[in-house]
């Protein structure tokens, strides 16, 4: 077996594995991390997979330092600090450190229907390689490494972590597929809406800032995100409440108020409409038995 073509070893640099082959509990709806870690290569490192990594498995590479040369479907790319490479399942690819240089990167091998759909959307919107915020990636990976959960709880949390990761990548790919003016508007609207999840919804401030009608802002946002600003705001509030339901002991009424709902009844109605269960039923799903 040619190790240079199949798996890295100490001969090709230093590898730190954060996760590898976590057993699945049989959930068909969850994303799954197959292998994940950090690799600091040397100039001998090379991976060559003419048939891709494996059926239904995608790869993400995020460059921390140095440069890597990557070939995807016979197109060559140079990965530099801050760049992300998205490799869909069964995509012919090869990558190596640039001659006489080191290359350090995070890698994630993943599976799951939703994660693969996101992968295909990212490539469709943009390309296999684009720049991303290195500090944000570092925070995401630190969150993952510090998670000490095990078993079924860990599998569900890994799936949620991948979901959050891909949502950020999708947003970035959308911005890069629109002209600079519209991209700036959408990005500002996302920040504005995310900061307003505990208050009433209004586009008046942004309308005055850009000297556009609220109708125009809604059209631009819907074109980029596939959803209206108001519906996006509602989803953010509900997703925030999910996190609170999972992680703390506050009452459902307190969580509803913290997420901008004046009445717990309206919160429960919207929650059930979105997730097809009540907030209490959702909370009960995450009440795992205490382990000694």
C-alpha atoms as a PDB file:
ATOM      1  CA  UNK A   1       0.000   0.000   0.000  1.00  0.00           C
ATOM      2  CA  UNK A   2       1.328   3.450  -0.948  1.00  0.00           C
ATOM      3  CA  UNK A   3       0.849   5.476   2.227  1.00  0.00           C
ATOM      4  CA  UNK A   4       1.421   8.741   0.382  1.00  0.00           C
ATOM      5  CA  UNK A   5      -1.724   8.067  -1.613  1.00  0.00           C
ATOM      6  CA  UNK A   6      -3.942   6.786   1.151  1.00  0.00           C
ATOM      7  CA  UNK A   7      -3.135   8.097   4.577  1.00  0.00           C
ATOM      8  CA  UNK A   8      -0.653  10.530   6.120  1.00  0.00           C
ATOM      9  CA  UNK A   9       1.941   9.255   8.564  1.00  0.00           C
ATOM     10  CA  UNK A  10       4.762  10.702  10.622  1.00  0.00           C
ATOM     11  CA  UNK A  11       7.007  10.486   7.552  1.00  0.00           C
ATOM     12  CA  UNK A  12       4.880  13.152   5.888  1.00  0.00           C
ATOM     13  CA  UNK A  13       4.531  15.561   8.827  1.00  0.00           C
ATOM     14  CA  UNK A  14       2.818  15.880  12.209  1.00  0.00           C
ATOM     15  CA  UNK A  15      -0.844  14.865  12.556  1.00  0.00           C
ATOM     16  CA  UNK A  16      -3.178  15.559  15.486  1.00  0.00           C
ATOM     17  CA  UNK A  17      -6.488  13.676  15.318  1.00  0.00           C
ATOM     18  CA  UNK A  18      -9.460  15.261  17.118  1.00  0.00           C
ATOM     19  CA  UNK A  19     -11.965  12.622  16.022  1.00  0.00           C
ATOM     20  CA  UNK A  20     -11.893   9.412  14.045  1.00  0.00           C
ATOM     21  CA  UNK A  21     -14.613   6.923  13.129  1.00  0.00           C
ATOM     22  CA  UNK A  22     -17.044   7.746  15.949  1.00  0.00           C
ATOM     23  CA  UNK A  23     -19.558   4.850  15.998  1.00  0.00           C
ATOM     24  CA  UNK A  24     -22.934   5.801  14.586  1.00  0.00           C
ATOM     25  CA  UNK A  25     -26.116   5.158  16.574  1.00  0.00           C
ATOM     26  CA  UNK A  26     -28.050   4.631  13.364  1.00  0.00           C
ATOM     27  CA  UNK A  27     -29.535   8.088  12.826  1.00  0.00           C
ATOM     28  CA  UNK A  28     -30.179   8.568   9.114  1.00  0.00           C
ATOM     29  CA  UNK A  29     -30.923  12.281   9.569  1.00  0.00           C
ATOM     30  CA  UNK A  30     -27.676  13.387  11.239  1.00  0.00           C
ATOM     31  CA  UNK A  31     -24.369  14.581   9.834  1.00  0.00           C
ATOM     32  CA  UNK A  32     -21.332  12.569  10.939  1.00  0.00           C
ATOM     33  CA  UNK A  33     -17.646  13.331  11.363  1.00  0.00           C
ATOM     34  CA  UNK A  34     -15.633  10.421   9.979  1.00  0.00           C
ATOM     35  CA  UNK A  35     -12.205  11.867  10.675  1.00  0.00           C
ATOM     36  CA  UNK A  36     -11.002  15.278  11.788  1.00  0.00           C
ATOM     37  CA  UNK A  37      -7.711  16.829  12.845  1.00  0.00           C
ATOM     38  CA  UNK A  38      -4.793  19.116  12.178  1.00  0.00           C
ATOM     39  CA  UNK A  39      -1.893  18.306   9.844  1.00  0.00           C
ATOM     40  CA  UNK A  40       1.457  20.065   9.551  1.00  0.00           C
ATOM     41  CA  UNK A  41       3.075  18.607   6.455  1.00  0.00           C
ATOM     42  CA  UNK A  42       6.566  18.630   5.005  1.00  0.00           C
ATOM     43  CA  UNK A  43       7.664  18.668   1.368  1.00  0.00           C
ATOM     44  CA  UNK A  44       7.270  14.867   1.097  1.00  0.00           C
ATOM     45  CA  UNK A  45       3.527  14.950   1.809  1.00  0.00           C
ATOM     46  CA  UNK A  46       1.205  13.979  -1.028  1.00  0.00           C
ATOM     47  CA  UNK A  47      -2.345  12.597  -1.290  1.00  0.00           C
ATOM     48  CA  UNK A  48      -3.768  11.273  -4.554  1.00  0.00           C
ATOM     49  CA  UNK A  49      -7.329   9.922  -4.781  1.00  0.00           C
ATOM     50  CA  UNK A  50      -8.481   9.505  -8.418  1.00  0.00           C
ATOM     51  CA  UNK A  51     -11.884   8.189  -7.271  1.00  0.00           C
ATOM     52  CA  UNK A  52     -12.415  10.499  -4.315  1.00  0.00           C
ATOM     53  CA  UNK A  53     -12.185   9.698  -0.607  1.00  0.00           C
ATOM     54  CA  UNK A  54     -15.133   7.313  -0.541  1.00  0.00           C
ATOM     55  CA  UNK A  55     -18.796   6.972  -1.334  1.00  0.00           C
ATOM     56  CA  UNK A  56     -20.844   9.632   0.440  1.00  0.00           C
ATOM     57  CA  UNK A  57     -17.853  11.237   2.196  1.00  0.00           C
ATOM     58  CA  UNK A  58     -16.816  14.858   1.665  1.00  0.00           C
ATOM     59  CA  UNK A  59     -13.676  16.693   2.794  1.00  0.00           C
ATOM     60  CA  UNK A  60     -12.973  20.210   4.050  1.00  0.00           C
ATOM     61  CA  UNK A  61      -9.420  21.588   4.222  1.00  0.00           C
ATOM     62  CA  UNK A  62      -8.726  24.899   5.979  1.00  0.00           C
ATOM     63  CA  UNK A  63      -5.209  26.314   5.566  1.00  0.00           C
ATOM     64  CA  UNK A  64      -3.606  27.804   8.687  1.00  0.00           C
ATOM     65  CA  UNK A  65      -0.144  28.534   7.283  1.00  0.00           C
ATOM     66  CA  UNK A  66       2.087  27.770   4.333  1.00  0.00           C
ATOM     67  CA  UNK A  67       0.774  26.733   0.937  1.00  0.00           C
ATOM     68  CA  UNK A  68      -0.775  23.623  -0.535  1.00  0.00           C
ATOM     69  CA  UNK A  69      -1.225  22.673  -4.175  1.00  0.00           C
ATOM     70  CA  UNK A  70      -4.618  21.084  -4.835  1.00  0.00           C
ATOM     71  CA  UNK A  71      -6.033  19.489  -7.990  1.00  0.00           C
ATOM     72  CA  UNK A  72      -9.798  19.013  -8.237  1.00  0.00           C
ATOM     73  CA  UNK A  73     -11.398  17.657 -11.404  1.00  0.00           C
ATOM     74  CA  UNK A  74      -8.195  18.526 -13.292  1.00  0.00           C
ATOM     75  CA  UNK A  75      -8.242  22.152 -12.080  1.00  0.00           C
ATOM     76  CA  UNK A  76      -5.287  23.376 -10.011  1.00  0.00           C
ATOM     77  CA  UNK A  77      -5.609  25.607  -6.929  1.00  0.00           C
ATOM     78  CA  UNK A  78      -3.128  27.056  -4.449  1.00  0.00           C
ATOM     79  CA  UNK A  79      -4.373  27.036  -0.856  1.00  0.00           C
ATOM     80  CA  UNK A  80      -2.973  29.835   1.292  1.00  0.00           C
ATOM     81  CA  UNK A  81      -3.634  31.017   4.852  1.00  0.00           C
ATOM     82  CA  UNK A  82      -7.376  31.518   5.394  1.00  0.00           C
ATOM     83  CA  UNK A  83      -8.544  29.490   2.399  1.00  0.00           C
ATOM     84  CA  UNK A  84     -11.091  26.681   2.573  1.00  0.00           C
ATOM     85  CA  UNK A  85     -11.205  23.854   0.062  1.00  0.00           C
ATOM     86  CA  UNK A  86     -14.463  21.916  -0.320  1.00  0.00           C
ATOM     87  CA  UNK A  87     -14.132  18.443  -1.849  1.00  0.00           C
ATOM     88  CA  UNK A  88     -17.432  16.688  -2.707  1.00  0.00           C
ATOM     89  CA  UNK A  89     -17.810  12.889  -2.469  1.00  0.00           C
ATOM     90  CA  UNK A  90     -16.344  10.874  -5.348  1.00  0.00           C
ATOM     91  CA  UNK A  91     -14.547  13.964  -6.672  1.00  0.00           C
ATOM     92  CA  UNK A  92     -11.122  13.156  -8.119  1.00  0.00           C
ATOM     93  CA  UNK A  93      -8.536  15.084  -6.132  1.00  0.00           C
ATOM     94  CA  UNK A  94      -4.891  15.325  -5.147  1.00  0.00           C
ATOM     95  CA  UNK A  95      -3.095  17.661  -2.768  1.00  0.00           C
ATOM     96  CA  UNK A  96       0.409  18.221  -1.502  1.00  0.00           C
ATOM     97  CA  UNK A  97       2.613  20.842   0.088  1.00  0.00           C
ATOM     98  CA  UNK A  98       4.217  23.272  -2.314  1.00  0.00           C
ATOM     99  CA  UNK A  99       7.765  22.257  -3.251  1.00  0.00           C
ATOM    100  CA  UNK A 100      10.302  22.956  -0.466  1.00  0.00           C
ATOM    101  CA  UNK A 101       7.600  24.290   1.845  1.00  0.00           C
ATOM    102  CA  UNK A 102       5.442  23.334   4.817  1.00  0.00           C
ATOM    103  CA  UNK A 103       1.661  23.414   4.833  1.00  0.00           C
ATOM    104  CA  UNK A 104      -0.517  23.358   7.956  1.00  0.00           C
ATOM    105  CA  UNK A 105      -4.257  22.804   7.776  1.00  0.00           C
ATOM    106  CA  UNK A 106      -7.345  21.511   9.554  1.00  0.00           C
ATOM    107  CA  UNK A 107      -9.159  18.658   7.826  1.00  0.00           C
ATOM    108  CA  UNK A 108     -12.659  17.231   8.239  1.00  0.00           C
ATOM    109  CA  UNK A 109     -13.931  14.096   6.529  1.00  0.00           C
ATOM    110  CA  UNK A 110     -17.689  13.985   6.931  1.00  0.00           C
ATOM    111  CA  UNK A 111     -20.855  12.192   5.863  1.00  0.00           C
ATOM    112  CA  UNK A 112     -24.569  12.882   6.060  1.00  0.00           C
ATOM    113  CA  UNK A 113     -27.207  13.793   3.510  1.00  0.00           C
ATOM    114  CA  UNK A 114     -27.609  17.399   4.634  1.00  0.00           C
ATOM    115  CA  UNK A 115     -23.851  18.054   4.817  1.00  0.00           C
ATOM    116  CA  UNK A 116     -23.386  16.677   1.306  1.00  0.00           C
ATOM    117  CA  UNK A 117     -26.254  18.819  -0.042  1.00  0.00           C
ATOM    118  CA  UNK A 118     -24.555  21.860   1.529  1.00  0.00           C
ATOM    119  CA  UNK A 119     -21.263  20.842  -0.104  1.00  0.00           C
ATOM    120  CA  UNK A 120     -22.892  20.730  -3.534  1.00  0.00           C
ATOM    121  CA  UNK A 121     -24.618  24.097  -2.966  1.00  0.00           C
ATOM    122  CA  UNK A 122     -21.320  25.730  -1.966  1.00  0.00           C
ATOM    123  CA  UNK A 123     -19.538  24.487  -5.079  1.00  0.00           C
ATOM    124  CA  UNK A 124     -22.500  25.525  -7.235  1.00  0.00           C
ATOM    125  CA  UNK A 125     -22.607  29.044  -5.742  1.00  0.00           C
ATOM    126  CA  UNK A 126     -18.900  29.638  -5.753  1.00  0.00           C
ATOM    127  CA  UNK A 127     -16.049  27.182  -6.376  1.00  0.00           C
ATOM    128  CA  UNK A 128     -14.029  24.523  -4.629  1.00  0.00           C
ATOM    129  CA  UNK A 129     -11.769  27.096  -2.933  1.00  0.00           C
ATOM    130  CA  UNK A 130     -12.466  30.467  -1.285  1.00  0.00           C
ATOM    131  CA  UNK A 131     -11.188  32.629   1.568  1.00  0.00           C
ATOM    132  CA  UNK A 132     -12.686  32.534   5.062  1.00  0.00           C
ATOM    133  CA  UNK A 133     -12.213  34.129   8.499  1.00  0.00           C
ATOM    134  CA  UNK A 134      -9.332  32.320  10.197  1.00  0.00           C
ATOM    135  CA  UNK A 135     -10.254  33.548  13.706  1.00  0.00           C
ATOM    136  CA  UNK A 136     -13.796  32.238  13.325  1.00  0.00           C
ATOM    137  CA  UNK A 137     -12.532  28.835  12.190  1.00  0.00           C
ATOM    138  CA  UNK A 138     -10.165  28.680  15.173  1.00  0.00           C
ATOM    139  CA  UNK A 139     -13.075  29.400  17.545  1.00  0.00           C
ATOM    140  CA  UNK A 140     -15.205  26.680  15.941  1.00  0.00           C
ATOM    141  CA  UNK A 141     -12.442  24.089  16.223  1.00  0.00           C
ATOM    142  CA  UNK A 142     -11.663  25.080  19.821  1.00  0.00           C
ATOM    143  CA  UNK A 143     -15.351  24.600  20.680  1.00  0.00           C
ATOM    144  CA  UNK A 144     -15.221  21.143  19.147  1.00  0.00           C
ATOM    145  CA  UNK A 145     -12.003  20.094  20.890  1.00  0.00           C
ATOM    146  CA  UNK A 146     -13.260  21.271  24.305  1.00  0.00           C
ATOM    147  CA  UNK A 147     -16.479  19.235  24.026  1.00  0.00           C
ATOM    148  CA  UNK A 148     -16.171  16.251  26.386  1.00  0.00           C
ATOM    149  CA  UNK A 149     -19.539  14.620  25.641  1.00  0.00           C
ATOM    150  CA  UNK A 150     -19.652  10.932  24.716  1.00  0.00           C
ATOM    151  CA  UNK A 151     -21.902   8.395  23.039  1.00  0.00           C
ATOM    152  CA  UNK A 152     -25.250   9.382  21.597  1.00  0.00           C
ATOM    153  CA  UNK A 153     -25.045  12.879  23.070  1.00  0.00           C
ATOM    154  CA  UNK A 154     -21.710  13.464  21.335  1.00  0.00           C
ATOM    155  CA  UNK A 155     -23.017  12.220  18.006  1.00  0.00           C
ATOM    156  CA  UNK A 156     -25.951  14.636  18.104  1.00  0.00           C
ATOM    157  CA  UNK A 157     -23.706  17.529  19.137  1.00  0.00           C
ATOM    158  CA  UNK A 158     -21.221  16.705  16.358  1.00  0.00           C
ATOM    159  CA  UNK A 159     -24.075  16.826  13.861  1.00  0.00           C
ATOM    160  CA  UNK A 160     -25.173  20.226  15.175  1.00  0.00           C
ATOM    161  CA  UNK A 161     -21.562  21.489  15.046  1.00  0.00           C
ATOM    162  CA  UNK A 162     -21.244  20.482  11.378  1.00  0.00           C
ATOM    163  CA  UNK A 163     -24.597  22.108  10.660  1.00  0.00           C
ATOM    164  CA  UNK A 164     -23.374  25.416  12.110  1.00  0.00           C
ATOM    165  CA  UNK A 165     -20.093  25.139  10.186  1.00  0.00           C
ATOM    166  CA  UNK A 166     -21.856  24.592   6.867  1.00  0.00           C
ATOM    167  CA  UNK A 167     -24.325  27.419   7.448  1.00  0.00           C
ATOM    168  CA  UNK A 168     -21.359  29.804   7.757  1.00  0.00           C
ATOM    169  CA  UNK A 169     -19.786  28.403   4.577  1.00  0.00           C
ATOM    170  CA  UNK A 170     -23.072  28.707   2.690  1.00  0.00           C
ATOM    171  CA  UNK A 171     -23.434  32.355   3.715  1.00  0.00           C
ATOM    172  CA  UNK A 172     -19.900  33.073   2.525  1.00  0.00           C
ATOM    173  CA  UNK A 173     -20.458  31.320  -0.799  1.00  0.00           C
ATOM    174  CA  UNK A 174     -23.671  33.300  -1.349  1.00  0.00           C
ATOM    175  CA  UNK A 175     -21.912  36.623  -0.727  1.00  0.00           C
ATOM    176  CA  UNK A 176     -19.213  35.809  -3.248  1.00  0.00           C
ATOM    177  CA  UNK A 177     -21.757  34.975  -5.954  1.00  0.00           C
ATOM    178  CA  UNK A 178     -23.359  38.443  -5.931  1.00  0.00           C
ATOM    179  CA  UNK A 179     -22.046  41.844  -6.886  1.00  0.00           C
ATOM    180  CA  UNK A 180     -20.187  43.801  -4.222  1.00  0.00           C
ATOM    181  CA  UNK A 181     -23.013  46.254  -3.511  1.00  0.00           C
ATOM    182  CA  UNK A 182     -25.683  43.593  -2.987  1.00  0.00           C
ATOM    183  CA  UNK A 183     -23.264  41.420  -1.022  1.00  0.00           C
ATOM    184  CA  UNK A 184     -22.579  44.305   1.382  1.00  0.00           C
ATOM    185  CA  UNK A 185     -26.288  44.940   1.862  1.00  0.00           C
ATOM    186  CA  UNK A 186     -27.052  41.274   2.555  1.00  0.00           C
ATOM    187  CA  UNK A 187     -24.126  40.944   4.957  1.00  0.00           C
ATOM    188  CA  UNK A 188     -25.200  44.053   6.877  1.00  0.00           C
ATOM    189  CA  UNK A 189     -28.784  42.797   6.974  1.00  0.00           C
ATOM    190  CA  UNK A 190     -27.641  39.460   8.410  1.00  0.00           C
ATOM    191  CA  UNK A 191     -25.656  41.181  11.157  1.00  0.00           C
ATOM    192  CA  UNK A 192     -28.529  43.576  11.855  1.00  0.00           C
ATOM    193  CA  UNK A 193     -31.124  40.783  12.059  1.00  0.00           C
ATOM    194  CA  UNK A 194     -28.904  38.567  14.223  1.00  0.00           C
ATOM    195  CA  UNK A 195     -28.532  41.419  16.730  1.00  0.00           C
ATOM    196  CA  UNK A 196     -32.293  41.984  16.803  1.00  0.00           C
ATOM    197  CA  UNK A 197     -33.501  38.542  17.840  1.00  0.00           C
ATOM    198  CA  UNK A 198     -34.591  39.854  21.253  1.00  0.00           C
ATOM    199  CA  UNK A 199     -36.433  42.916  19.911  1.00  0.00           C
ATOM    200  CA  UNK A 200     -39.139  43.785  17.379  1.00  0.00           C
ATOM    201  CA  UNK A 201     -38.447  43.292  13.685  1.00  0.00           C
ATOM    202  CA  UNK A 202     -38.002  46.406  11.531  1.00  0.00           C
ATOM    203  CA  UNK A 203     -35.970  47.341   8.437  1.00  0.00           C
ATOM    204  CA  UNK A 204     -36.431  51.088   8.912  1.00  0.00           C
ATOM    205  CA  UNK A 205     -32.830  51.687  10.060  1.00  0.00           C
ATOM    206  CA  UNK A 206     -31.270  49.849   7.096  1.00  0.00           C
ATOM    207  CA  UNK A 207     -33.715  51.460   4.695  1.00  0.00           C
ATOM    208  CA  UNK A 208     -32.507  54.921   5.768  1.00  0.00           C
ATOM    209  CA  UNK A 209     -28.846  53.836   5.789  1.00  0.00           C
ATOM    210  CA  UNK A 210     -28.876  52.609   2.174  1.00  0.00           C
ATOM    211  CA  UNK A 211     -31.535  55.002   0.869  1.00  0.00           C
ATOM    212  CA  UNK A 212     -33.484  52.042  -0.484  1.00  0.00           C
ATOM    213  CA  UNK A 213     -37.088  51.142   0.103  1.00  0.00           C
ATOM    214  CA  UNK A 214     -37.822  48.284   2.473  1.00  0.00           C
ATOM    215  CA  UNK A 215     -39.313  46.402  -0.481  1.00  0.00           C
ATOM    216  CA  UNK A 216     -35.974  46.602  -2.348  1.00  0.00           C
ATOM    217  CA  UNK A 217     -34.045  45.362   0.688  1.00  0.00           C
ATOM    218  CA  UNK A 218     -36.434  42.432   1.004  1.00  0.00           C
ATOM    219  CA  UNK A 219     -35.964  41.528  -2.696  1.00  0.00           C
ATOM    220  CA  UNK A 220     -32.152  41.650  -2.422  1.00  0.00           C
ATOM    221  CA  UNK A 221     -32.156  39.536   0.740  1.00  0.00           C
ATOM    222  CA  UNK A 222     -34.604  36.987  -0.659  1.00  0.00           C
ATOM    223  CA  UNK A 223     -32.552  36.662  -3.845  1.00  0.00           C
ATOM    224  CA  UNK A 224     -29.409  35.891  -1.856  1.00  0.00           C
ATOM    225  CA  UNK A 225     -30.806  33.774   0.975  1.00  0.00           C
ATOM    226  CA  UNK A 226     -33.917  32.190  -0.526  1.00  0.00           C
ATOM    227  CA  UNK A 227     -36.000  33.414   2.416  1.00  0.00           C
ATOM    228  CA  UNK A 228     -37.508  36.747   3.476  1.00  0.00           C
ATOM    229  CA  UNK A 229     -35.763  38.827   6.182  1.00  0.00           C
ATOM    230  CA  UNK A 230     -38.718  38.376   8.513  1.00  0.00           C
ATOM    231  CA  UNK A 231     -38.760  34.573   8.174  1.00  0.00           C
ATOM    232  CA  UNK A 232     -34.990  34.509   8.665  1.00  0.00           C
ATOM    233  CA  UNK A 233     -35.425  36.576  11.859  1.00  0.00           C
ATOM    234  CA  UNK A 234     -38.057  34.132  13.138  1.00  0.00           C
ATOM    235  CA  UNK A 235     -35.805  31.148  12.379  1.00  0.00           C
ATOM    236  CA  UNK A 236     -32.906  32.766  14.233  1.00  0.00           C
ATOM    237  CA  UNK A 237     -35.062  33.305  17.296  1.00  0.00           C
ATOM    238  CA  UNK A 238     -36.328  29.739  17.223  1.00  0.00           C
ATOM    239  CA  UNK A 239     -32.830  28.315  16.698  1.00  0.00           C
ATOM    240  CA  UNK A 240     -31.542  30.422  19.583  1.00  0.00           C
ATOM    241  CA  UNK A 241     -34.343  29.088  21.773  1.00  0.00           C
ATOM    242  CA  UNK A 242     -33.358  25.523  20.822  1.00  0.00           C
ATOM    243  CA  UNK A 243     -29.877  26.151  22.158  1.00  0.00           C
ATOM    244  CA  UNK A 244     -31.342  27.537  25.392  1.00  0.00           C
ATOM    245  CA  UNK A 245     -33.705  24.576  25.755  1.00  0.00           C
ATOM    246  CA  UNK A 246     -30.797  22.168  25.348  1.00  0.00           C
ATOM    247  CA  UNK A 247     -28.275  23.873  27.588  1.00  0.00           C
ATOM    248  CA  UNK A 248     -29.956  25.536  30.591  1.00  0.00           C
ATOM    249  CA  UNK A 249     -32.646  25.107  33.209  1.00  0.00           C
ATOM    250  CA  UNK A 250     -34.614  28.336  32.631  1.00  0.00           C
ATOM    251  CA  UNK A 251     -38.350  27.957  32.265  1.00  0.00           C
ATOM    252  CA  UNK A 252     -39.849  27.921  28.776  1.00  0.00           C
ATOM    253  CA  UNK A 253     -41.532  31.261  29.501  1.00  0.00           C
ATOM    254  CA  UNK A 254     -38.151  32.801  30.435  1.00  0.00           C
ATOM    255  CA  UNK A 255     -36.526  31.433  27.294  1.00  0.00           C
ATOM    256  CA  UNK A 256     -39.391  32.761  25.149  1.00  0.00           C
ATOM    257  CA  UNK A 257     -38.940  36.265  26.610  1.00  0.00           C
ATOM    258  CA  UNK A 258     -35.149  36.123  26.194  1.00  0.00           C
ATOM    259  CA  UNK A 259     -35.661  35.285  22.509  1.00  0.00           C
ATOM    260  CA  UNK A 260     -37.929  38.260  21.892  1.00  0.00           C
ATOM    261  CA  UNK A 261     -41.371  36.746  22.424  1.00  0.00           C
ATOM    262  CA  UNK A 262     -43.781  38.734  24.566  1.00  0.00           C
ATOM    263  CA  UNK A 263     -46.150  35.787  25.002  1.00  0.00           C
ATOM    264  CA  UNK A 264     -45.103  32.196  25.574  1.00  0.00           C
ATOM    265  CA  UNK A 265     -48.203  31.046  23.674  1.00  0.00           C
ATOM    266  CA  UNK A 266     -47.118  32.661  20.395  1.00  0.00           C
ATOM    267  CA  UNK A 267     -43.623  31.254  20.892  1.00  0.00           C
ATOM    268  CA  UNK A 268     -44.996  27.734  21.375  1.00  0.00           C
ATOM    269  CA  UNK A 269     -47.169  28.025  18.258  1.00  0.00           C
ATOM    270  CA  UNK A 270     -44.234  29.144  16.066  1.00  0.00           C
ATOM    271  CA  UNK A 271     -41.938  26.516  17.584  1.00  0.00           C
ATOM    272  CA  UNK A 272     -44.380  23.704  16.898  1.00  0.00           C
ATOM    273  CA  UNK A 273     -45.006  24.983  13.370  1.00  0.00           C
ATOM    274  CA  UNK A 274     -41.269  24.889  12.660  1.00  0.00           C
ATOM    275  CA  UNK A 275     -40.158  21.727  14.488  1.00  0.00           C
ATOM    276  CA  UNK A 276     -43.417  19.725  14.689  1.00  0.00           C
ATOM    277  CA  UNK A 277     -43.148  19.375  18.450  1.00  0.00           C
ATOM    278  CA  UNK A 278     -43.638  21.545  21.506  1.00  0.00           C
ATOM    279  CA  UNK A 279     -40.706  23.326  23.234  1.00  0.00           C
ATOM    280  CA  UNK A 280     -41.108  20.963  26.210  1.00  0.00           C
ATOM    281  CA  UNK A 281     -40.982  17.873  23.971  1.00  0.00           C
ATOM    282  CA  UNK A 282     -37.827  19.274  22.350  1.00  0.00           C
ATOM    283  CA  UNK A 283     -36.225  19.900  25.757  1.00  0.00           C
ATOM    284  CA  UNK A 284     -37.066  16.362  26.891  1.00  0.00           C
ATOM    285  CA  UNK A 285     -35.039  14.966  23.973  1.00  0.00           C
ATOM    286  CA  UNK A 286     -31.860  16.430  25.502  1.00  0.00           C
ATOM    287  CA  UNK A 287     -32.382  15.356  29.096  1.00  0.00           C
ATOM    288  CA  UNK A 288     -29.747  12.625  29.133  1.00  0.00           C
ATOM    289  CA  UNK A 289     -29.270  10.484  32.244  1.00  0.00           C
ATOM    290  CA  UNK A 290     -26.533  11.730  34.534  1.00  0.00           C
ATOM    291  CA  UNK A 291     -23.374   9.607  34.325  1.00  0.00           C
ATOM    292  CA  UNK A 292     -21.014   9.079  37.201  1.00  0.00           C
END
